[in-house]
């Protein structure tokens, strides 16, 4: 009788854990994006950036965060879905602003800062979105002076161009 009771309790615990994982997974997948897109299939769409790299020059820790908006356009005839957005370092965050004024994010470095990289953002044919890179030169403390190179990544459903990389460079001073 005790063995059957223990088996039932074990199965109930497994069911509770599995249900929690499914609930968290569903909650994170639609957290910042367009509700209603359940499955993202690979497509022939393409996102292109007018500028893929930017040099901030010298950036002082004392002056605070600096930002750069990169314009990214869907140059194809079909909707492109941005599945994930993430950065190369915890000192960098990204926001996406749609042409309709909707803001998504902030997105950060996976595993740092608690932000989910899952975006689920649809970019319509011909639409341009602004990808804002936000860099905090003081994030690494006093030892964080010198040359830095950072990136913001957009993973899409595009077969032709599945990943867009936007980079920036700076020399951090005190």
N, C-alpha and C. Protein backbone atom coordinates (compact mmCIF):
# COMPACT_ATOMS: atom_id res chain seq x y z
N UNK A 1 0.82 -1.19 0.00
CA UNK A 1 0.00 0.00 0.00
C UNK A 1 0.87 1.26 0.00
N UNK A 2 1.94 1.26 0.82
CA UNK A 2 2.83 2.43 0.86
C UNK A 2 3.54 2.64 -0.47
N UNK A 3 3.93 1.54 -1.12
CA UNK A 3 4.61 1.66 -2.40
C UNK A 3 3.69 2.26 -3.47
N UNK A 4 2.45 1.89 -3.50
CA UNK A 4 1.48 2.45 -4.45
C UNK A 4 1.25 3.92 -4.16
N UNK A 5 1.18 4.27 -2.87
CA UNK A 5 1.00 5.67 -2.48
C UNK A 5 2.20 6.51 -2.91
N UNK A 6 3.41 5.99 -2.69
CA UNK A 6 4.64 6.69 -3.10
C UNK A 6 4.72 6.85 -4.61
N UNK A 7 4.30 5.83 -5.34
CA UNK A 7 4.30 5.90 -6.80
C UNK A 7 3.34 6.98 -7.29
N UNK A 8 2.14 7.02 -6.69
CA UNK A 8 1.17 8.05 -7.05
C UNK A 8 1.68 9.44 -6.73
N UNK A 9 2.30 9.62 -5.58
CA UNK A 9 2.86 10.92 -5.21
C UNK A 9 3.98 11.33 -6.18
N UNK A 10 4.80 10.38 -6.57
CA UNK A 10 5.88 10.65 -7.53
C UNK A 10 5.33 11.08 -8.89
N UNK A 11 4.31 10.38 -9.37
CA UNK A 11 3.69 10.75 -10.64
C UNK A 11 3.03 12.12 -10.57
N UNK A 12 2.40 12.42 -9.44
CA UNK A 12 1.78 13.74 -9.27
C UNK A 12 2.84 14.84 -9.28
N UNK A 13 3.98 14.60 -8.63
CA UNK A 13 5.06 15.58 -8.60
C UNK A 13 5.62 15.81 -10.01
N UNK A 14 5.78 14.74 -10.77
CA UNK A 14 6.28 14.87 -12.14
C UNK A 14 5.28 15.68 -12.98
N UNK A 15 4.00 15.42 -12.82
CA UNK A 15 2.96 16.15 -13.56
C UNK A 15 2.99 17.64 -13.20
N UNK A 16 3.16 17.97 -11.93
CA UNK A 16 3.22 19.37 -11.50
C UNK A 16 4.44 20.06 -12.10
N UNK A 17 5.60 19.41 -12.06
CA UNK A 17 6.82 20.00 -12.64
C UNK A 17 6.64 20.20 -14.14
N UNK A 18 6.15 19.19 -14.85
CA UNK A 18 5.94 19.30 -16.30
C UNK A 18 4.97 20.43 -16.63
N UNK A 19 3.88 20.53 -15.88
CA UNK A 19 2.90 21.61 -16.11
C UNK A 19 3.53 22.97 -15.90
N UNK A 20 4.38 23.09 -14.88
CA UNK A 20 5.07 24.37 -14.62
C UNK A 20 6.00 24.74 -15.76
N UNK A 21 6.71 23.77 -16.29
CA UNK A 21 7.62 24.03 -17.41
C UNK A 21 6.84 24.49 -18.64
N UNK A 22 5.73 23.83 -18.94
CA UNK A 22 4.90 24.22 -20.08
C UNK A 22 4.35 25.62 -19.87
N UNK A 23 3.88 25.93 -18.67
CA UNK A 23 3.32 27.25 -18.37
C UNK A 23 4.37 28.34 -18.54
N UNK A 24 5.57 28.14 -17.99
CA UNK A 24 6.64 29.13 -18.12
C UNK A 24 7.06 29.30 -19.57
N UNK A 25 7.17 28.20 -20.29
CA UNK A 25 7.54 28.26 -21.70
C UNK A 25 6.53 29.06 -22.51
N UNK A 26 5.26 28.82 -22.32
CA UNK A 26 4.21 29.55 -23.04
C UNK A 26 4.19 31.02 -22.65
N UNK A 27 4.41 31.32 -21.39
CA UNK A 27 4.40 32.70 -20.92
C UNK A 27 5.57 33.47 -21.53
N UNK A 28 6.76 32.89 -21.58
CA UNK A 28 7.94 33.58 -22.13
C UNK A 28 7.88 33.74 -23.64
N UNK A 29 7.29 32.78 -24.35
CA UNK A 29 7.31 32.85 -25.81
C UNK A 29 6.47 33.98 -26.36
N UNK A 30 5.46 34.43 -25.66
CA UNK A 30 4.63 35.51 -26.16
C UNK A 30 4.78 36.78 -25.37
N UNK A 31 5.76 36.85 -24.50
CA UNK A 31 5.90 37.94 -23.56
C UNK A 31 6.04 39.30 -24.21
N UNK A 32 6.85 39.43 -25.25
CA UNK A 32 7.10 40.74 -25.81
C UNK A 32 6.61 40.88 -27.24
N UNK A 33 6.02 39.84 -27.79
CA UNK A 33 5.72 39.89 -29.22
C UNK A 33 4.24 39.97 -29.52
N UNK A 34 3.94 39.65 -30.75
CA UNK A 34 2.57 39.69 -31.23
C UNK A 34 1.86 38.42 -30.84
N UNK A 35 0.83 38.53 -30.05
CA UNK A 35 0.05 37.35 -29.68
C UNK A 35 -0.66 36.85 -30.93
N UNK A 36 -0.79 35.55 -31.04
CA UNK A 36 -1.53 35.00 -32.16
C UNK A 36 -0.66 34.28 -33.16
N UNK A 37 0.64 34.46 -33.15
CA UNK A 37 1.52 33.73 -34.05
C UNK A 37 2.00 32.51 -33.28
N UNK A 38 1.38 31.38 -33.51
CA UNK A 38 1.70 30.19 -32.73
C UNK A 38 2.93 29.48 -33.28
N UNK A 39 3.06 29.36 -34.57
CA UNK A 39 4.17 28.66 -35.18
C UNK A 39 4.84 29.58 -36.19
N UNK A 40 6.17 29.66 -36.10
CA UNK A 40 6.91 30.51 -37.02
C UNK A 40 7.63 29.62 -38.02
N UNK A 41 7.16 29.62 -39.26
CA UNK A 41 7.77 28.81 -40.30
C UNK A 41 8.86 29.61 -40.99
N UNK A 42 9.84 28.90 -41.56
CA UNK A 42 10.86 29.59 -42.32
C UNK A 42 10.25 30.18 -43.57
N UNK A 43 10.68 31.40 -43.90
CA UNK A 43 10.14 32.06 -45.07
C UNK A 43 11.23 32.62 -45.96
N UNK A 44 10.80 33.28 -47.02
CA UNK A 44 11.73 33.86 -47.97
C UNK A 44 11.94 35.35 -47.74
N UNK A 45 11.41 35.89 -46.65
CA UNK A 45 11.57 37.30 -46.35
C UNK A 45 13.02 37.65 -46.05
N UNK A 46 13.27 38.96 -46.01
CA UNK A 46 14.65 39.41 -45.78
C UNK A 46 14.63 40.76 -45.06
N UNK A 47 15.41 40.85 -43.98
CA UNK A 47 15.61 42.12 -43.29
C UNK A 47 16.98 42.65 -43.65
N UNK A 48 17.04 43.94 -43.98
CA UNK A 48 18.31 44.57 -44.31
C UNK A 48 18.45 45.86 -43.52
N UNK A 49 19.68 46.11 -43.05
CA UNK A 49 19.97 47.33 -42.30
C UNK A 49 20.73 48.30 -43.19
N UNK A 50 20.32 49.59 -43.15
CA UNK A 50 21.06 50.62 -43.90
C UNK A 50 22.48 50.71 -43.40
N UNK A 51 22.65 50.54 -42.09
CA UNK A 51 23.95 50.64 -41.44
C UNK A 51 24.05 49.46 -40.48
N UNK A 52 25.14 48.69 -40.55
CA UNK A 52 25.29 47.54 -39.66
C UNK A 52 26.35 47.75 -38.60
N UNK A 53 27.07 48.86 -38.66
CA UNK A 53 28.14 49.12 -37.70
C UNK A 53 28.20 50.61 -37.39
N UNK A 54 28.54 50.94 -36.15
CA UNK A 54 28.63 52.35 -35.75
C UNK A 54 29.79 52.52 -34.77
N UNK A 55 30.50 53.65 -34.88
CA UNK A 55 31.61 53.97 -33.97
C UNK A 55 31.20 55.16 -33.11
N UNK A 56 31.06 54.93 -31.80
CA UNK A 56 30.73 56.01 -30.87
C UNK A 56 31.92 56.93 -30.59
N UNK A 57 33.12 56.47 -30.95
CA UNK A 57 34.32 57.25 -30.59
C UNK A 57 34.59 57.08 -29.11
N UNK A 58 35.01 58.17 -28.45
CA UNK A 58 35.27 58.11 -27.01
C UNK A 58 33.95 58.28 -26.25
N UNK A 59 33.76 57.42 -25.27
CA UNK A 59 32.56 57.45 -24.44
C UNK A 59 33.01 57.48 -22.98
N UNK A 60 32.59 58.50 -22.24
CA UNK A 60 32.97 58.65 -20.85
C UNK A 60 31.99 57.92 -19.93
N UNK A 61 32.52 57.18 -18.96
CA UNK A 61 31.68 56.53 -17.96
C UNK A 61 30.84 57.56 -17.22
N UNK A 62 31.42 58.73 -16.99
CA UNK A 62 30.76 59.78 -16.21
C UNK A 62 29.53 60.35 -16.92
N UNK A 63 29.48 60.23 -18.23
CA UNK A 63 28.35 60.81 -18.99
C UNK A 63 27.16 59.88 -19.14
N UNK A 64 27.27 58.65 -18.67
CA UNK A 64 26.13 57.72 -18.72
C UNK A 64 25.99 56.97 -20.04
N UNK A 65 24.82 56.39 -20.21
CA UNK A 65 24.53 55.52 -21.36
C UNK A 65 24.50 56.29 -22.67
N UNK A 66 24.88 55.58 -23.75
CA UNK A 66 24.77 56.12 -25.11
C UNK A 66 23.90 55.17 -25.93
N UNK A 67 23.21 55.73 -26.93
CA UNK A 67 22.33 54.90 -27.76
C UNK A 67 22.57 55.16 -29.24
N UNK A 68 22.26 54.16 -30.02
CA UNK A 68 22.30 54.27 -31.47
C UNK A 68 21.14 53.49 -32.04
N UNK A 69 20.34 54.13 -32.89
CA UNK A 69 19.22 53.46 -33.54
C UNK A 69 19.65 53.01 -34.94
N UNK A 70 19.51 51.73 -35.20
CA UNK A 70 19.78 51.15 -36.52
C UNK A 70 18.43 50.93 -37.21
N UNK A 71 18.29 51.38 -38.44
CA UNK A 71 17.07 51.15 -39.20
C UNK A 71 17.17 49.82 -39.93
N UNK A 72 16.19 48.96 -39.71
CA UNK A 72 16.15 47.64 -40.34
C UNK A 72 14.85 47.55 -41.11
N UNK A 73 14.95 47.21 -42.41
CA UNK A 73 13.79 47.21 -43.30
C UNK A 73 13.55 45.82 -43.87
N UNK A 74 12.29 45.44 -43.95
CA UNK A 74 11.91 44.22 -44.64
C UNK A 74 11.84 44.56 -46.12
N UNK A 75 12.85 44.12 -46.88
CA UNK A 75 12.96 44.45 -48.30
C UNK A 75 12.29 43.40 -49.19
N UNK A 76 11.59 42.47 -48.58
CA UNK A 76 10.96 41.39 -49.36
C UNK A 76 9.46 41.61 -49.48
N UNK A 77 8.83 40.68 -50.13
CA UNK A 77 7.38 40.74 -50.34
C UNK A 77 6.59 39.94 -49.34
N UNK A 78 7.24 39.40 -48.30
CA UNK A 78 6.49 38.67 -47.29
C UNK A 78 6.95 39.05 -45.89
N UNK A 79 6.08 38.83 -44.93
CA UNK A 79 6.36 39.19 -43.54
C UNK A 79 7.55 38.38 -43.01
N UNK A 80 8.42 39.05 -42.27
CA UNK A 80 9.55 38.40 -41.60
C UNK A 80 9.26 38.43 -40.10
N UNK A 81 9.47 37.30 -39.45
CA UNK A 81 9.27 37.23 -38.01
C UNK A 81 10.63 37.26 -37.32
N UNK A 82 10.80 38.22 -36.41
CA UNK A 82 12.00 38.27 -35.57
C UNK A 82 11.70 37.39 -34.37
N UNK A 83 12.38 36.24 -34.32
CA UNK A 83 12.11 35.25 -33.28
C UNK A 83 12.82 35.59 -31.98
N UNK A 84 14.07 36.05 -32.07
CA UNK A 84 14.86 36.36 -30.87
C UNK A 84 15.66 37.63 -31.09
N UNK A 85 15.89 38.34 -30.00
CA UNK A 85 16.76 39.51 -29.99
C UNK A 85 17.65 39.38 -28.76
N UNK A 86 18.96 39.52 -28.94
CA UNK A 86 19.86 39.44 -27.79
C UNK A 86 21.14 40.21 -28.09
N UNK A 87 21.91 40.46 -27.03
CA UNK A 87 23.13 41.26 -27.15
C UNK A 87 24.35 40.42 -26.78
N UNK A 88 25.52 40.94 -27.11
CA UNK A 88 26.76 40.22 -26.88
C UNK A 88 27.31 40.41 -25.48
N UNK A 89 26.77 41.36 -24.72
CA UNK A 89 27.33 41.65 -23.40
C UNK A 89 26.25 42.21 -22.50
N UNK A 90 26.42 42.01 -21.19
CA UNK A 90 25.42 42.51 -20.24
C UNK A 90 25.40 44.04 -20.16
N UNK A 91 26.41 44.71 -20.70
CA UNK A 91 26.46 46.17 -20.70
C UNK A 91 25.60 46.77 -21.81
N UNK A 92 25.02 45.92 -22.63
CA UNK A 92 24.25 46.38 -23.79
C UNK A 92 22.82 45.84 -23.73
N UNK A 93 21.88 46.71 -24.04
CA UNK A 93 20.48 46.32 -24.16
C UNK A 93 19.99 46.73 -25.55
N UNK A 94 18.88 46.15 -25.97
CA UNK A 94 18.29 46.50 -27.26
C UNK A 94 16.79 46.68 -27.09
N UNK A 95 16.26 47.63 -27.84
CA UNK A 95 14.82 47.87 -27.95
C UNK A 95 14.48 47.84 -29.43
N UNK A 96 13.28 47.38 -29.76
CA UNK A 96 12.82 47.46 -31.14
C UNK A 96 11.55 48.31 -31.14
N UNK A 97 11.53 49.28 -32.03
CA UNK A 97 10.37 50.15 -32.17
C UNK A 97 9.81 49.97 -33.56
N UNK A 98 8.53 49.58 -33.63
CA UNK A 98 7.88 49.36 -34.92
C UNK A 98 7.51 50.69 -35.56
N UNK A 99 7.18 50.64 -36.84
CA UNK A 99 6.77 51.85 -37.55
C UNK A 99 5.46 52.40 -37.00
N UNK A 100 4.67 51.56 -36.32
CA UNK A 100 3.41 52.00 -35.70
C UNK A 100 3.62 52.57 -34.30
N UNK A 101 4.89 52.59 -33.85
CA UNK A 101 5.19 53.16 -32.54
C UNK A 101 5.19 52.16 -31.40
N UNK A 102 4.98 50.90 -31.68
CA UNK A 102 5.00 49.88 -30.63
C UNK A 102 6.44 49.55 -30.26
N UNK A 103 6.71 49.42 -28.96
CA UNK A 103 8.07 49.13 -28.50
C UNK A 103 8.15 47.73 -27.91
N UNK A 104 9.23 47.02 -28.24
CA UNK A 104 9.47 45.67 -27.75
C UNK A 104 10.80 45.67 -27.00
N UNK A 105 10.86 44.94 -25.90
CA UNK A 105 12.09 44.85 -25.15
C UNK A 105 11.93 45.46 -23.77
N UNK A 106 12.99 45.65 -23.05
CA UNK A 106 14.38 45.54 -23.48
C UNK A 106 14.85 44.08 -23.58
N UNK A 107 15.80 43.88 -24.47
CA UNK A 107 16.44 42.59 -24.64
C UNK A 107 17.90 42.75 -24.20
N UNK A 108 18.47 41.68 -23.69
CA UNK A 108 19.85 41.75 -23.22
C UNK A 108 20.62 40.50 -23.56
N UNK A 109 21.71 40.32 -22.84
CA UNK A 109 22.56 39.15 -23.04
C UNK A 109 21.86 37.93 -22.42
N UNK A 110 21.76 36.83 -23.16
CA UNK A 110 21.09 35.64 -22.62
C UNK A 110 21.72 35.20 -21.29
N UNK A 111 20.86 34.96 -20.31
CA UNK A 111 21.35 34.50 -19.02
C UNK A 111 21.74 35.62 -18.06
N UNK A 112 21.68 36.86 -18.51
CA UNK A 112 22.05 38.00 -17.67
C UNK A 112 20.95 39.05 -17.71
N UNK A 113 20.38 39.37 -16.57
CA UNK A 113 19.41 40.44 -16.50
C UNK A 113 17.96 40.00 -16.55
N UNK A 114 17.69 38.73 -16.76
CA UNK A 114 16.34 38.22 -16.69
C UNK A 114 15.45 38.47 -17.89
N UNK A 115 15.88 39.27 -18.86
CA UNK A 115 15.04 39.54 -20.03
C UNK A 115 15.03 38.32 -20.95
N UNK A 116 13.87 37.99 -21.45
CA UNK A 116 13.73 36.87 -22.37
C UNK A 116 14.20 37.30 -23.76
N UNK A 117 14.96 36.44 -24.46
CA UNK A 117 15.38 36.79 -25.82
C UNK A 117 14.27 36.57 -26.84
N UNK A 118 13.18 35.90 -26.44
CA UNK A 118 12.11 35.58 -27.38
C UNK A 118 11.32 36.84 -27.71
N UNK A 119 11.24 37.15 -29.00
CA UNK A 119 10.63 38.40 -29.43
C UNK A 119 9.29 38.20 -30.13
N UNK A 120 9.25 37.37 -31.15
CA UNK A 120 8.02 37.11 -31.93
C UNK A 120 7.44 38.40 -32.49
N UNK A 121 8.27 39.14 -33.22
CA UNK A 121 7.87 40.43 -33.79
C UNK A 121 7.74 40.27 -35.31
N UNK A 122 6.56 40.56 -35.84
CA UNK A 122 6.34 40.50 -37.28
C UNK A 122 6.70 41.85 -37.91
N UNK A 123 7.52 41.79 -38.97
CA UNK A 123 7.88 42.99 -39.74
C UNK A 123 7.28 42.81 -41.14
N UNK A 124 6.32 43.65 -41.45
CA UNK A 124 5.58 43.54 -42.71
C UNK A 124 6.45 43.91 -43.91
N UNK A 125 6.10 43.46 -45.11
CA UNK A 125 6.85 43.85 -46.31
C UNK A 125 6.94 45.37 -46.41
N UNK A 126 8.14 45.87 -46.62
CA UNK A 126 8.37 47.31 -46.75
C UNK A 126 8.47 48.06 -45.44
N UNK A 127 8.14 47.43 -44.33
CA UNK A 127 8.18 48.11 -43.03
C UNK A 127 9.61 48.28 -42.54
N UNK A 128 9.87 49.41 -41.88
CA UNK A 128 11.16 49.68 -41.26
C UNK A 128 10.96 49.76 -39.75
N UNK A 129 11.80 49.05 -39.01
CA UNK A 129 11.79 49.12 -37.55
C UNK A 129 13.11 49.72 -37.10
N UNK A 130 13.09 50.36 -35.93
CA UNK A 130 14.32 50.90 -35.35
C UNK A 130 14.80 49.94 -34.27
N UNK A 131 16.04 49.50 -34.41
CA UNK A 131 16.67 48.65 -33.40
C UNK A 131 17.62 49.56 -32.63
N UNK A 132 17.26 49.86 -31.40
CA UNK A 132 18.04 50.79 -30.60
C UNK A 132 19.01 50.01 -29.71
N UNK A 133 20.31 50.25 -29.90
CA UNK A 133 21.35 49.65 -29.06
C UNK A 133 21.66 50.65 -27.95
N UNK A 134 21.61 50.19 -26.71
CA UNK A 134 21.86 51.04 -25.55
C UNK A 134 23.08 50.47 -24.83
N UNK A 135 24.14 51.27 -24.75
CA UNK A 135 25.39 50.83 -24.14
C UNK A 135 25.65 51.62 -22.86
N UNK A 136 25.93 50.90 -21.78
CA UNK A 136 26.26 51.52 -20.49
C UNK A 136 27.77 51.37 -20.27
N UNK A 137 28.55 52.45 -20.48
CA UNK A 137 30.00 52.35 -20.34
C UNK A 137 30.45 52.08 -18.91
N UNK A 138 29.60 52.34 -17.92
CA UNK A 138 29.98 52.12 -16.52
C UNK A 138 29.62 50.72 -16.02
N UNK A 139 29.02 49.90 -16.86
CA UNK A 139 28.54 48.58 -16.43
C UNK A 139 29.66 47.66 -15.92
N UNK A 140 30.85 47.82 -16.43
CA UNK A 140 31.96 46.95 -16.03
C UNK A 140 32.82 47.56 -14.93
N UNK A 141 32.39 48.70 -14.41
CA UNK A 141 33.13 49.33 -13.32
C UNK A 141 34.39 50.03 -13.80
N UNK A 142 35.21 50.50 -12.85
CA UNK A 142 36.41 51.29 -13.18
C UNK A 142 37.41 50.56 -14.07
N UNK A 143 37.41 49.24 -14.02
CA UNK A 143 38.37 48.49 -14.85
C UNK A 143 37.88 48.31 -16.28
N UNK A 144 36.69 48.82 -16.59
CA UNK A 144 36.11 48.63 -17.92
C UNK A 144 36.50 49.69 -18.94
N UNK A 145 37.65 50.35 -18.75
CA UNK A 145 38.09 51.36 -19.72
C UNK A 145 38.81 50.69 -20.88
N UNK A 146 38.80 51.36 -22.03
CA UNK A 146 39.49 50.85 -23.21
C UNK A 146 38.54 50.60 -24.36
N UNK A 147 39.03 49.90 -25.36
CA UNK A 147 38.29 49.64 -26.59
C UNK A 147 37.28 48.52 -26.36
N UNK A 148 36.06 48.73 -26.86
CA UNK A 148 35.02 47.69 -26.79
C UNK A 148 34.39 47.52 -28.16
N UNK A 149 33.94 46.32 -28.41
CA UNK A 149 33.14 45.98 -29.60
C UNK A 149 31.97 45.15 -29.10
N UNK A 150 30.74 45.58 -29.42
CA UNK A 150 29.54 44.91 -28.95
C UNK A 150 28.59 44.70 -30.11
N UNK A 151 27.58 43.84 -29.90
CA UNK A 151 26.65 43.54 -30.98
C UNK A 151 25.24 43.30 -30.45
N UNK A 152 24.28 43.54 -31.34
CA UNK A 152 22.88 43.19 -31.13
C UNK A 152 22.54 42.21 -32.25
N UNK A 153 21.89 41.10 -31.89
CA UNK A 153 21.55 40.07 -32.86
C UNK A 153 20.04 39.91 -32.96
N UNK A 154 19.56 39.77 -34.19
CA UNK A 154 18.15 39.48 -34.45
C UNK A 154 18.11 38.15 -35.19
N UNK A 155 17.46 37.15 -34.62
CA UNK A 155 17.27 35.87 -35.30
C UNK A 155 15.87 35.88 -35.89
N UNK A 156 15.79 35.54 -37.19
CA UNK A 156 14.52 35.62 -37.91
C UNK A 156 14.14 34.27 -38.50
N UNK A 157 12.97 34.23 -39.11
CA UNK A 157 12.52 33.02 -39.80
C UNK A 157 12.97 32.99 -41.27
N UNK A 158 13.83 33.91 -41.67
CA UNK A 158 14.27 34.00 -43.06
C UNK A 158 15.26 32.88 -43.40
N UNK A 159 14.99 32.20 -44.51
CA UNK A 159 15.93 31.19 -45.01
C UNK A 159 17.17 31.87 -45.59
N UNK A 160 16.95 33.01 -46.24
CA UNK A 160 18.02 33.72 -46.93
C UNK A 160 18.96 34.44 -45.96
N UNK A 161 18.41 35.04 -44.93
CA UNK A 161 19.21 35.82 -43.98
C UNK A 161 18.64 35.61 -42.58
N UNK A 162 18.94 34.45 -41.95
CA UNK A 162 18.32 34.12 -40.67
C UNK A 162 18.80 34.94 -39.48
N UNK A 163 19.94 35.60 -39.61
CA UNK A 163 20.47 36.38 -38.49
C UNK A 163 20.98 37.73 -38.97
N UNK A 164 20.56 38.79 -38.28
CA UNK A 164 21.03 40.14 -38.57
C UNK A 164 21.93 40.54 -37.40
N UNK A 165 23.12 41.01 -37.70
CA UNK A 165 24.08 41.44 -36.68
C UNK A 165 24.34 42.93 -36.83
N UNK A 166 24.11 43.67 -35.76
CA UNK A 166 24.35 45.11 -35.72
C UNK A 166 25.42 45.36 -34.66
N UNK A 167 26.53 45.99 -35.06
CA UNK A 167 27.65 46.13 -34.14
C UNK A 167 27.98 47.60 -33.86
N UNK A 168 28.65 47.83 -32.73
CA UNK A 168 29.17 49.15 -32.45
C UNK A 168 30.50 49.04 -31.73
N UNK A 169 31.25 50.12 -31.83
CA UNK A 169 32.62 50.20 -31.32
C UNK A 169 32.72 51.48 -30.49
N UNK A 170 33.55 51.46 -29.45
CA UNK A 170 33.78 52.66 -28.65
C UNK A 170 35.08 52.51 -27.89
N UNK A 171 35.59 53.64 -27.44
CA UNK A 171 36.70 53.66 -26.51
C UNK A 171 36.17 54.27 -25.22
N UNK A 172 36.10 53.43 -24.17
CA UNK A 172 35.53 53.87 -22.91
C UNK A 172 36.62 54.55 -22.07
N UNK A 173 36.25 55.75 -21.58
CA UNK A 173 37.15 56.51 -20.71
C UNK A 173 36.42 56.74 -19.37
N UNK A 174 37.20 57.18 -18.39
CA UNK A 174 36.57 57.47 -17.08
C UNK A 174 35.90 58.77 -17.18
